[in-house]
N, C-alpha and C. Protein backbone atom coordinates (compact mmCIF):
# COMPACT_ATOMS: atom_id res chain seq x y z
N VAL A 1 -7.82 30.40 2.59
CA VAL A 1 -7.74 31.12 3.64
C VAL A 1 -5.99 30.69 3.98
N GLN A 2 -5.37 31.75 4.80
CA GLN A 2 -4.10 31.55 5.09
C GLN A 2 -3.89 31.51 6.81
N PRO A 3 -3.73 30.33 7.43
CA PRO A 3 -3.60 30.31 8.70
C PRO A 3 -2.88 31.44 9.12
N GLY A 4 -3.01 31.73 10.53
CA GLY A 4 -2.55 32.78 11.41
C GLY A 4 -1.56 32.25 12.10
N ALA A 5 -0.24 33.10 12.31
CA ALA A 5 0.54 32.82 13.20
C ALA A 5 -0.05 31.97 14.69
N PRO A 6 0.67 31.53 15.60
CA PRO A 6 0.03 31.03 16.65
C PRO A 6 -0.65 32.01 17.27
N GLY A 7 -1.95 31.43 17.84
CA GLY A 7 -2.92 32.62 18.81
C GLY A 7 -3.61 33.38 17.79
N GLN A 8 -3.42 33.31 16.84
CA GLN A 8 -4.20 34.66 15.68
C GLN A 8 -5.26 34.00 14.83
N SER A 9 -6.20 34.85 14.22
CA SER A 9 -6.64 34.20 13.63
C SER A 9 -6.59 33.91 11.78
N GLY A 10 -7.29 33.12 11.06
CA GLY A 10 -6.56 33.21 9.58
C GLY A 10 -7.04 34.25 9.00
N ARG A 11 -6.72 34.16 8.02
CA ARG A 11 -7.17 35.47 6.96
C ARG A 11 -7.60 34.78 5.51
N VAL A 12 -8.65 35.35 4.80
CA VAL A 12 -8.79 35.00 3.02
C VAL A 12 -7.94 35.66 2.23
N LEU A 13 -6.84 35.22 1.55
CA LEU A 13 -6.13 35.55 0.79
C LEU A 13 -6.74 36.20 -0.30
N SER A 14 -6.53 37.26 -1.15
CA SER A 14 -6.68 37.59 -2.49
C SER A 14 -6.62 37.12 -3.41
N PRO A 15 -7.22 37.53 -4.42
CA PRO A 15 -6.31 36.72 -5.87
C PRO A 15 -5.13 37.22 -6.17
N ALA A 16 -4.87 38.87 -5.94
CA ALA A 16 -3.37 39.09 -6.16
C ALA A 16 -2.56 38.10 -5.06
N GLU A 17 -2.92 37.91 -4.00
CA GLU A 17 -1.80 37.69 -2.85
C GLU A 17 -1.87 35.88 -3.39
N GLN A 18 -2.97 35.64 -3.68
CA GLN A 18 -2.98 33.63 -4.23
C GLN A 18 -1.79 33.77 -5.34
N SER A 19 -1.93 34.90 -6.04
CA SER A 19 -0.89 34.58 -7.25
C SER A 19 0.51 34.39 -7.08
N GLN A 20 0.70 35.20 -5.98
CA GLN A 20 1.85 35.36 -5.59
C GLN A 20 2.64 34.04 -4.91
N LEU A 21 1.96 32.87 -4.32
CA LEU A 21 2.31 31.92 -3.87
C LEU A 21 3.00 30.86 -4.86
N PRO A 22 3.95 30.09 -4.04
CA PRO A 22 4.37 29.17 -4.68
C PRO A 22 3.56 28.30 -5.05
N ALA A 23 3.91 27.23 -6.44
CA ALA A 23 3.25 26.68 -6.92
C ALA A 23 3.56 25.17 -6.22
N PRO A 24 2.17 24.57 -5.79
CA PRO A 24 2.91 23.09 -4.65
C PRO A 24 4.22 22.31 -5.64
N PRO A 25 5.00 21.42 -4.60
CA PRO A 25 6.07 20.76 -5.41
C PRO A 25 5.63 19.31 -6.41
N LYS A 26 6.26 19.69 -7.66
CA LYS A 26 5.71 18.50 -8.48
C LYS A 26 6.13 17.35 -7.85
N HIS A 27 5.81 16.30 -8.72
CA HIS A 27 5.91 15.07 -8.24
C HIS A 27 7.43 14.79 -8.52
N THR A 28 8.02 13.01 -8.07
CA THR A 28 9.62 12.89 -8.30
C THR A 28 9.60 11.88 -8.77
N ALA A 29 11.14 11.46 -9.63
CA ALA A 29 11.19 9.98 -9.77
C ALA A 29 10.91 8.87 -8.27
N ALA A 30 11.25 9.54 -7.51
CA ALA A 30 10.78 8.38 -6.16
C ALA A 30 9.75 8.30 -5.77
N ASP A 31 8.45 10.03 -6.19
CA ASP A 31 6.96 9.24 -6.52
C ASP A 31 6.77 8.38 -7.50
N THR A 32 7.02 8.64 -8.74
CA THR A 32 6.94 7.45 -9.68
C THR A 32 7.54 6.29 -9.51
N GLN A 33 8.31 5.67 -8.97
CA GLN A 33 8.79 4.49 -8.59
C GLN A 33 8.06 3.79 -7.64
N PHE A 34 7.94 4.49 -6.79
CA PHE A 34 6.99 4.23 -5.36
C PHE A 34 5.69 3.86 -6.08
N MET A 35 5.17 4.65 -6.89
CA MET A 35 3.56 4.26 -7.41
C MET A 35 3.61 2.87 -7.91
N GLN A 36 4.44 3.18 -9.26
CA GLN A 36 4.75 1.57 -9.97
C GLN A 36 5.23 0.27 -8.88
N ARG A 37 5.91 0.55 -8.28
CA ARG A 37 6.11 -0.50 -7.32
C ARG A 37 5.35 -0.76 -6.37
N MET A 38 4.57 -0.09 -6.01
CA MET A 38 3.44 -0.22 -4.89
C MET A 38 2.32 -1.11 -5.83
N ILE A 39 1.90 -0.58 -7.33
CA ILE A 39 0.85 -1.33 -7.92
C ILE A 39 1.51 -2.77 -7.76
N ALA A 40 2.89 -3.37 -8.26
CA ALA A 40 3.17 -4.77 -8.27
C ALA A 40 3.19 -5.54 -6.83
N HIS A 41 3.26 -4.94 -5.97
CA HIS A 41 3.42 -4.91 -4.25
C HIS A 41 1.69 -5.59 -4.03
N HIS A 42 0.79 -4.57 -4.75
CA HIS A 42 -0.81 -4.68 -4.17
C HIS A 42 -1.48 -5.90 -4.84
N VAL A 43 -0.74 -6.35 -6.55
CA VAL A 43 -1.15 -7.06 -7.33
C VAL A 43 -0.88 -8.35 -6.56
N GLN A 44 0.28 -8.51 -6.04
CA GLN A 44 0.70 -10.14 -5.52
C GLN A 44 -0.33 -10.09 -4.09
N ALA A 45 -0.51 -8.97 -3.58
CA ALA A 45 -1.68 -9.10 -2.31
C ALA A 45 -2.88 -9.74 -3.10
N LEU A 46 -3.18 -9.23 -3.74
CA LEU A 46 -4.69 -9.42 -4.16
C LEU A 46 -4.43 -11.09 -5.10
N ASP A 47 -2.93 -11.32 -5.11
CA ASP A 47 -2.89 -12.90 -5.98
C ASP A 47 -3.17 -13.90 -4.58
N MET A 48 -2.65 -13.47 -3.57
CA MET A 48 -2.91 -13.84 -2.13
C MET A 48 -4.30 -14.08 -1.98
N THR A 49 -4.95 -13.24 -2.08
CA THR A 49 -6.35 -13.51 -1.41
C THR A 49 -7.31 -14.14 -2.23
N ALA A 50 -7.04 -13.92 -3.51
CA ALA A 50 -7.23 -14.39 -4.29
C ALA A 50 -7.82 -16.35 -3.99
N LEU A 51 -6.71 -16.96 -3.28
CA LEU A 51 -6.68 -18.28 -2.83
C LEU A 51 -7.49 -18.77 -1.45
N VAL A 52 -7.91 -17.43 -0.89
CA VAL A 52 -8.58 -17.48 0.50
C VAL A 52 -9.84 -18.69 0.29
N ALA A 53 -10.92 -18.36 -0.56
CA ALA A 53 -12.02 -18.84 -0.69
C ALA A 53 -11.94 -20.45 -0.53
N ASP A 54 -10.97 -21.32 -1.45
CA ASP A 54 -11.14 -22.08 -1.71
C ASP A 54 -10.07 -23.09 -0.42
N ARG A 55 -9.16 -22.19 0.21
CA ARG A 55 -8.56 -23.14 1.23
C ARG A 55 -9.10 -22.53 2.57
N SER A 56 -9.21 -21.66 2.91
CA SER A 56 -9.39 -20.77 4.41
C SER A 56 -10.36 -21.85 5.01
N VAL A 57 -10.29 -21.75 6.23
CA VAL A 57 -11.61 -22.39 7.20
C VAL A 57 -12.01 -21.50 8.02
N SER A 58 -11.44 -20.31 8.17
CA SER A 58 -11.66 -18.96 9.08
C SER A 58 -12.17 -17.97 8.39
N LYS A 59 -13.74 -17.58 9.29
CA LYS A 59 -14.64 -16.77 8.40
C LYS A 59 -13.94 -15.57 8.65
N ASP A 60 -12.93 -15.15 9.71
CA ASP A 60 -12.48 -14.27 9.90
C ASP A 60 -11.41 -13.92 9.06
N VAL A 61 -10.68 -14.79 8.04
CA VAL A 61 -9.41 -14.73 7.39
C VAL A 61 -10.11 -14.42 6.24
N SER A 62 -11.25 -15.21 6.32
CA SER A 62 -12.05 -14.58 4.80
C SER A 62 -12.52 -12.89 4.82
N LEU A 63 -12.99 -12.56 6.20
CA LEU A 63 -13.17 -11.30 5.98
C LEU A 63 -12.13 -10.12 6.28
N ILE A 64 -11.23 -10.67 6.61
CA ILE A 64 -10.15 -9.75 6.59
C ILE A 64 -9.32 -9.67 4.94
N ALA A 65 -9.27 -10.75 4.23
CA ALA A 65 -8.72 -10.69 2.96
C ALA A 65 -9.82 -10.18 2.02
N LYS A 66 -11.33 -10.30 2.30
CA LYS A 66 -11.84 -8.93 1.51
C LYS A 66 -11.88 -8.03 1.62
N ARG A 67 -11.44 -7.36 2.83
CA ARG A 67 -11.19 -5.87 3.19
C ARG A 67 -9.50 -5.79 2.54
N ILE A 68 -9.10 -6.75 2.63
CA ILE A 68 -7.84 -6.04 1.42
C ILE A 68 -7.51 -6.22 0.25
N GLU A 69 -8.55 -6.97 -0.19
CA GLU A 69 -8.42 -7.12 -1.66
C GLU A 69 -9.83 -5.77 -2.49
N THR A 70 -10.38 -5.66 -1.35
CA THR A 70 -11.10 -4.38 -1.56
C THR A 70 -10.42 -3.08 -2.10
N SER A 71 -9.78 -2.91 -0.72
CA SER A 71 -8.61 -1.49 -0.62
C SER A 71 -7.51 -1.93 -1.55
N GLN A 72 -7.35 -2.96 -1.82
CA GLN A 72 -5.85 -2.90 -2.56
C GLN A 72 -6.67 -2.88 -4.12
N ARG A 73 -7.24 -3.22 -4.36
CA ARG A 73 -7.86 -3.08 -5.69
C ARG A 73 -8.29 -1.43 -6.11
N ASP A 74 -8.84 -0.90 -5.34
CA ASP A 74 -9.16 0.40 -5.31
C ASP A 74 -7.78 1.62 -5.09
N GLU A 75 -6.63 0.92 -4.35
CA GLU A 75 -5.49 1.44 -4.40
C GLU A 75 -4.97 1.86 -5.59
N ILE A 76 -4.96 0.38 -6.42
CA ILE A 76 -4.35 0.26 -7.38
C ILE A 76 -5.17 1.38 -8.76
N ALA A 77 -6.32 1.34 -8.57
CA ALA A 77 -6.98 2.24 -9.48
C ALA A 77 -6.61 3.74 -9.28
N GLN A 78 -5.69 3.80 -8.08
CA GLN A 78 -5.50 5.49 -7.94
C GLN A 78 -4.33 5.64 -8.06
N MET A 79 -3.18 4.67 -7.95
CA MET A 79 -2.06 4.87 -8.69
C MET A 79 -1.82 4.81 -9.94
N GLN A 80 -2.65 4.17 -10.62
CA GLN A 80 -2.75 3.97 -12.07
C GLN A 80 -3.19 5.35 -12.76
N GLN A 81 -4.26 5.66 -12.02
CA GLN A 81 -5.02 7.07 -12.07
C GLN A 81 -3.55 8.15 -12.03
N TRP A 82 -3.20 7.83 -10.99
CA TRP A 82 -1.71 9.10 -10.72
C TRP A 82 -0.80 9.05 -11.70
N LEU A 83 -0.39 8.08 -11.94
CA LEU A 83 0.74 7.40 -12.78
C LEU A 83 0.25 8.68 -14.36
N THR A 84 -0.93 7.99 -14.60
CA THR A 84 -1.47 8.41 -15.83
C THR A 84 -1.73 9.71 -16.27
N ASP A 85 -2.10 10.65 -15.16
CA ASP A 85 -2.24 12.12 -14.92
C ASP A 85 -1.17 12.73 -14.98
N ARG A 86 0.11 12.02 -14.59
CA ARG A 86 1.49 12.59 -14.94
C ARG A 86 2.04 12.60 -15.93
N GLY A 87 1.60 11.35 -16.65
CA GLY A 87 2.54 11.06 -17.97
C GLY A 87 2.99 10.13 -18.15
N GLU A 88 3.38 9.19 -16.51
CA GLU A 88 4.12 8.02 -16.37
C GLU A 88 3.99 6.68 -17.13
N GLN A 89 4.84 5.64 -17.01
CA GLN A 89 4.50 4.43 -17.56
C GLN A 89 3.46 3.87 -16.25
N LEU A 90 2.83 3.08 -16.86
CA LEU A 90 1.98 1.76 -15.99
C LEU A 90 2.75 0.67 -16.02
N PRO A 91 3.14 -0.22 -14.75
CA PRO A 91 3.74 -1.12 -14.88
C PRO A 91 3.31 -2.20 -15.44
N GLY A 92 4.21 -3.30 -16.02
CA GLY A 92 3.57 -4.19 -16.87
C GLY A 92 2.54 -5.32 -15.77
N PRO A 93 1.95 -6.20 -16.92
CA PRO A 93 0.73 -7.02 -15.73
C PRO A 93 1.57 -8.16 -14.75
N HIS A 94 3.02 -8.40 -15.05
CA HIS A 94 4.19 -9.45 -14.60
C HIS A 94 5.30 -8.84 -13.99
N GLU A 95 5.27 -7.58 -13.55
CA GLU A 95 6.62 -7.44 -12.92
C GLU A 95 6.64 -7.37 -11.54
N HIS A 96 5.80 -8.13 -11.45
CA HIS A 96 5.51 -8.54 -9.15
C HIS A 96 6.19 -9.72 -9.60
N HIS A 97 6.65 -10.27 -10.35
CA HIS A 97 7.23 -11.48 -10.47
C HIS A 97 8.63 -11.52 -10.30
N ALA A 98 9.52 -10.68 -10.57
CA ALA A 98 11.05 -10.40 -11.09
C ALA A 98 11.60 -10.20 -9.40
N GLU A 99 12.35 -10.62 -9.08
CA GLU A 99 13.49 -10.35 -7.89
C GLU A 99 12.36 -9.54 -6.85
N HIS A 100 11.71 -10.27 -6.36
CA HIS A 100 10.90 -9.87 -5.06
C HIS A 100 11.77 -9.70 -4.15
N ASP A 101 12.36 -10.18 -3.52
CA ASP A 101 12.84 -9.12 -2.23
C ASP A 101 14.07 -8.24 -2.55
N ALA A 102 14.82 -8.23 -3.78
CA ALA A 102 15.61 -7.52 -3.92
C ALA A 102 15.29 -6.08 -4.31
N THR A 103 13.89 -6.15 -5.12
CA THR A 103 13.34 -4.81 -5.34
C THR A 103 12.11 -4.62 -4.24
N MET A 104 11.44 -5.46 -3.88
CA MET A 104 10.45 -4.73 -3.07
C MET A 104 10.43 -5.48 -1.57
N PRO A 105 10.45 -5.00 -0.95
CA PRO A 105 10.11 -5.69 0.61
C PRO A 105 9.13 -6.22 0.89
N GLY A 106 8.74 -7.14 1.56
CA GLY A 106 7.80 -8.12 1.69
C GLY A 106 6.99 -8.99 0.87
N MET A 107 7.67 -8.84 -0.36
CA MET A 107 7.24 -9.40 -1.64
C MET A 107 7.54 -11.12 -1.20
N LEU A 108 6.35 -11.83 -1.43
CA LEU A 108 6.70 -13.30 -1.24
C LEU A 108 7.24 -14.20 -2.31
N THR A 109 8.31 -14.89 -2.24
CA THR A 109 9.36 -15.59 -3.17
C THR A 109 8.26 -16.61 -4.08
N PRO A 110 8.72 -16.91 -5.35
CA PRO A 110 7.94 -18.30 -5.55
C PRO A 110 7.76 -19.07 -4.84
N GLU A 111 8.58 -19.82 -3.89
CA GLU A 111 8.96 -20.49 -3.23
C GLU A 111 7.52 -20.60 -2.19
N GLN A 112 7.66 -19.25 -1.56
CA GLN A 112 6.22 -19.03 -0.57
C GLN A 112 5.18 -19.02 -1.16
N LEU A 113 5.26 -18.67 -2.21
CA LEU A 113 3.73 -18.32 -2.92
C LEU A 113 3.17 -19.94 -3.22
N ALA A 114 4.29 -20.83 -3.79
CA ALA A 114 3.85 -22.03 -3.97
C ALA A 114 3.26 -22.96 -2.79
N GLN A 115 3.82 -22.60 -1.65
CA GLN A 115 3.71 -23.15 -0.18
C GLN A 115 2.56 -22.67 0.48
N LEU A 116 2.01 -21.58 0.23
CA LEU A 116 0.70 -20.92 0.35
C LEU A 116 -0.62 -21.69 -0.95
N VAL A 117 -0.13 -21.75 -1.84
CA VAL A 117 -0.80 -22.18 -2.68
C VAL A 117 -1.49 -23.78 -2.45
N LYS A 118 -0.25 -24.49 -1.72
CA LYS A 118 -0.32 -25.99 -1.33
C LYS A 118 -1.24 -26.04 -0.10
N ALA A 119 -1.43 -25.06 0.76
CA ALA A 119 -1.58 -25.38 2.29
C ALA A 119 -3.89 -25.57 2.04
N ARG A 120 -3.61 -25.95 3.13
CA ARG A 120 -5.24 -26.05 3.26
C ARG A 120 -5.85 -25.48 4.61
N GLY A 121 -6.88 -25.24 4.88
CA GLY A 121 -7.53 -25.62 6.17
C GLY A 121 -6.67 -24.40 6.99
N GLU A 122 -6.30 -24.78 8.57
CA GLU A 122 -5.95 -24.06 9.45
C GLU A 122 -4.40 -23.62 9.29
N GLN A 123 -3.76 -24.53 8.28
CA GLN A 123 -1.99 -24.60 8.08
C GLN A 123 -2.14 -23.48 6.90
N PHE A 124 -3.51 -23.35 5.69
CA PHE A 124 -3.23 -22.17 5.51
C PHE A 124 -3.80 -20.95 5.90
N ASP A 125 -4.66 -21.13 7.03
CA ASP A 125 -5.08 -19.47 7.69
C ASP A 125 -3.38 -18.45 8.37
N ARG A 126 -3.03 -19.93 9.22
CA ARG A 126 -1.83 -19.67 9.80
C ARG A 126 -0.99 -18.78 8.68
N LEU A 127 -0.39 -19.31 7.48
CA LEU A 127 0.36 -19.32 6.36
C LEU A 127 0.10 -17.69 6.06
N PHE A 128 -1.39 -17.90 5.80
CA PHE A 128 -1.90 -16.79 5.17
C PHE A 128 -1.53 -15.33 5.76
N LEU A 129 -2.05 -15.51 7.14
CA LEU A 129 -1.72 -14.41 8.12
C LEU A 129 0.03 -14.16 8.24
N ASP A 130 0.57 -15.07 8.59
CA ASP A 130 2.11 -14.59 8.37
C ASP A 130 2.53 -14.14 7.28
N PHE A 131 2.54 -14.29 5.86
CA PHE A 131 2.49 -13.94 4.97
C PHE A 131 2.66 -12.47 4.94
N MET A 132 0.70 -12.24 4.95
CA MET A 132 0.19 -11.31 4.55
C MET A 132 0.55 -10.06 5.47
N ILE A 133 0.88 -10.21 6.85
CA ILE A 133 1.68 -9.48 7.74
C ILE A 133 3.08 -8.80 7.09
N ARG A 134 3.91 -9.75 7.20
CA ARG A 134 5.39 -9.50 6.29
C ARG A 134 4.95 -8.89 5.03
N HIS A 135 4.10 -9.36 3.96
CA HIS A 135 3.52 -8.72 2.96
C HIS A 135 3.70 -6.86 3.21
N HIS A 136 2.60 -6.74 4.31
CA HIS A 136 2.09 -5.33 4.81
C HIS A 136 3.00 -4.63 5.28
N GLU A 137 4.09 -5.62 6.15
CA GLU A 137 5.22 -4.74 6.74
C GLU A 137 6.21 -3.83 5.79
N GLY A 138 6.36 -4.90 4.45
CA GLY A 138 7.03 -4.63 3.55
C GLY A 138 6.46 -3.07 2.68
N ALA A 139 5.37 -3.11 2.58
CA ALA A 139 4.72 -2.01 2.24
C ALA A 139 5.06 -0.47 2.93
N LEU A 140 4.75 -0.89 4.36
CA LEU A 140 5.55 0.12 5.41
C LEU A 140 6.54 1.02 4.92
N THR A 141 7.82 -0.49 4.90
CA THR A 141 9.27 0.08 4.50
C THR A 141 9.11 0.81 3.36
N MET A 142 8.49 0.68 2.12
CA MET A 142 8.27 0.99 1.11
C MET A 142 7.70 2.89 1.32
N VAL A 143 7.00 2.83 2.31
CA VAL A 143 6.72 4.25 2.40
C VAL A 143 8.01 5.04 2.98
N GLN A 144 8.63 4.74 3.89
CA GLN A 144 9.77 4.75 4.76
C GLN A 144 10.84 5.40 3.27
N GLN A 145 10.77 4.29 2.45
CA GLN A 145 11.76 4.33 1.42
C GLN A 145 11.89 5.91 0.62
N LEU A 146 10.71 5.87 0.43
CA LEU A 146 9.63 7.17 -0.63
C LEU A 146 10.06 8.20 0.42
N TYR A 147 9.97 8.29 1.28
CA TYR A 147 10.37 9.69 2.16
C TYR A 147 11.87 9.91 2.25
N ALA A 148 12.72 8.70 2.64
CA ALA A 148 13.76 8.90 2.61
C ALA A 148 14.71 9.11 1.38
N ALA A 149 14.23 8.76 -0.30
CA ALA A 149 14.43 9.18 -1.18
C ALA A 149 14.46 10.83 -1.73
N GLY A 150 13.78 11.65 -0.84
CA GLY A 150 12.78 12.33 -1.28
C GLY A 150 11.83 12.74 -2.18
N GLY A 151 10.97 11.92 -2.09
CA GLY A 151 9.57 11.72 -2.57
C GLY A 151 8.92 12.19 -1.23
N GLY A 152 7.36 12.00 -1.94
CA GLY A 152 6.33 12.54 -1.24
C GLY A 152 6.12 14.00 -0.84
N LEU A 153 6.69 14.78 -1.62
CA LEU A 153 6.69 16.36 -1.24
C LEU A 153 5.26 16.50 -2.34
N GLU A 154 5.28 16.18 -3.43
CA GLU A 154 3.63 16.61 -3.93
C GLU A 154 2.45 15.94 -3.02
N PRO A 155 1.91 17.04 -2.71
CA PRO A 155 0.55 16.95 -2.22
C PRO A 155 0.02 15.53 -2.23
N ALA A 156 -0.74 14.85 -3.46
CA ALA A 156 -1.19 13.86 -4.15
C ALA A 156 -0.47 12.51 -3.66
N SER A 157 1.12 12.69 -3.67
CA SER A 157 1.58 11.35 -3.39
C SER A 157 2.12 11.09 -1.99
N ASP A 158 2.15 12.41 -1.26
CA ASP A 158 2.13 12.23 0.39
C ASP A 158 0.99 11.61 1.01
N ARG A 159 -0.08 12.09 0.51
CA ARG A 159 -1.61 11.65 0.85
C ARG A 159 -1.51 10.68 0.52
N PHE A 160 -1.10 9.77 -0.22
CA PHE A 160 -1.40 8.41 -0.66
C PHE A 160 -0.37 7.64 -0.01
N ALA A 161 0.68 7.84 0.00
CA ALA A 161 1.45 7.18 1.13
C ALA A 161 0.76 7.14 2.33
N ARG A 162 0.59 8.73 2.85
CA ARG A 162 0.27 8.48 4.04
C ARG A 162 -0.95 7.20 4.22
N GLU A 163 -1.88 7.33 3.56
CA GLU A 163 -3.17 6.49 3.57
C GLU A 163 -2.44 5.28 3.61
N VAL A 164 -1.85 4.47 2.70
CA VAL A 164 -1.12 3.33 2.63
C VAL A 164 -0.52 3.06 3.87
N ASP A 165 0.36 3.81 4.77
CA ASP A 165 0.82 3.56 5.70
C ASP A 165 -0.49 3.26 6.66
N ALA A 166 -1.15 4.39 7.11
CA ALA A 166 -2.08 3.90 8.10
C ALA A 166 -3.20 2.42 8.16
N ASP A 167 -3.68 2.36 6.15
CA ASP A 167 -4.39 1.16 6.25
C ASP A 167 -3.73 0.11 7.00
N GLN A 168 -2.65 -0.31 5.90
CA GLN A 168 -1.59 -1.10 6.03
C GLN A 168 -1.27 -1.69 7.48
N GLY A 169 -0.88 -0.44 8.56
CA GLY A 169 -0.55 -0.44 9.86
C GLY A 169 -1.76 -1.09 10.55
N ILE A 170 -3.21 -0.83 10.19
CA ILE A 170 -4.43 -1.13 10.74
C ILE A 170 -4.78 -2.57 10.23
N GLU A 171 -4.35 -2.78 9.42
CA GLU A 171 -4.44 -4.25 8.73
C GLU A 171 -3.74 -5.27 9.73
N ILE A 172 -2.39 -4.32 9.64
CA ILE A 172 -1.15 -5.33 10.17
C ILE A 172 -1.74 -6.11 11.85
N ARG A 173 -2.14 -5.14 12.82
CA ARG A 173 -2.86 -4.90 13.83
C ARG A 173 -3.87 -5.87 14.32
N SER A 174 -4.88 -6.00 13.62
CA SER A 174 -6.18 -6.89 12.72
C SER A 174 -5.62 -7.99 12.65
N MET A 175 -4.62 -8.51 11.97
CA MET A 175 -4.16 -9.56 11.21
C MET A 175 -3.22 -10.26 12.51
N ARG A 176 -2.63 -9.86 13.71
CA ARG A 176 -1.99 -9.99 14.47
C ARG A 176 -2.89 -10.03 15.58
N GLU A 177 -3.99 -9.63 15.92
CA GLU A 177 -4.96 -10.30 16.88
C GLU A 177 -5.68 -11.68 16.76
N LEU A 178 -6.18 -11.75 15.15
CA LEU A 178 -6.62 -12.76 14.69
C LEU A 178 -5.72 -13.87 14.64
N GLN A 179 -4.15 -13.54 14.39
CA GLN A 179 -3.49 -14.73 14.80
C GLN A 179 -3.45 -15.05 16.01
N ALA A 180 -3.58 -13.93 17.27
CA ALA A 180 -3.50 -14.72 18.20
C ALA A 180 -4.65 -15.43 18.68
N ARG A 181 -5.86 -14.94 18.20
CA ARG A 181 -7.19 -15.71 18.30
C ARG A 181 -7.12 -16.97 18.30
N LEU A 182 -6.60 -17.40 16.59
CA LEU A 182 -6.93 -18.80 16.26
C LEU A 182 -5.46 -19.62 16.64
N ALA A 183 -4.63 -18.84 17.39
CA ALA A 183 -3.47 -19.76 18.23
C ALA A 183 -4.40 -20.52 19.76
N GLY A 184 -5.12 -19.27 19.84
CA GLY A 184 -5.87 -19.58 21.60
C GLY A 184 -6.61 -20.59 21.61
């Protein structure tokens, strides 16, 4: 179906007309780099959520951590499949440990991660939310960088980037609301 001009109906294209349409855009190096880096970014978020069960005293922090864990595990699988389907290299298991701030916005430094590991109780909950909000804001920056670098034209990479942008934005708002309740 081809949409009509404003105020006009759409119409079904014939097979001959469909064959004349341009192919959808191919993925770019920016798309590949985004997916590879976002996998590493998500892995660190999973490292952070893994700490919640033994350290948090807030049911709400535990719930949001579970949501983040579930969504980011699923997204890692999607990104790995995207890379595999396009013959691109999957990132290694420890690539998220190198030069955090220089390569990926929002990544915790080893010192910050150690600080989170040591924290317990309410201190952990506050620190977890602070760091996870910063981490998610970094993901939003990575989406902006994808588009600024000319990526996101391929329909699948664009759809994924938009989903990351929306999901992380929603989670940031939820975490900020939770911060306010915990401070209150």
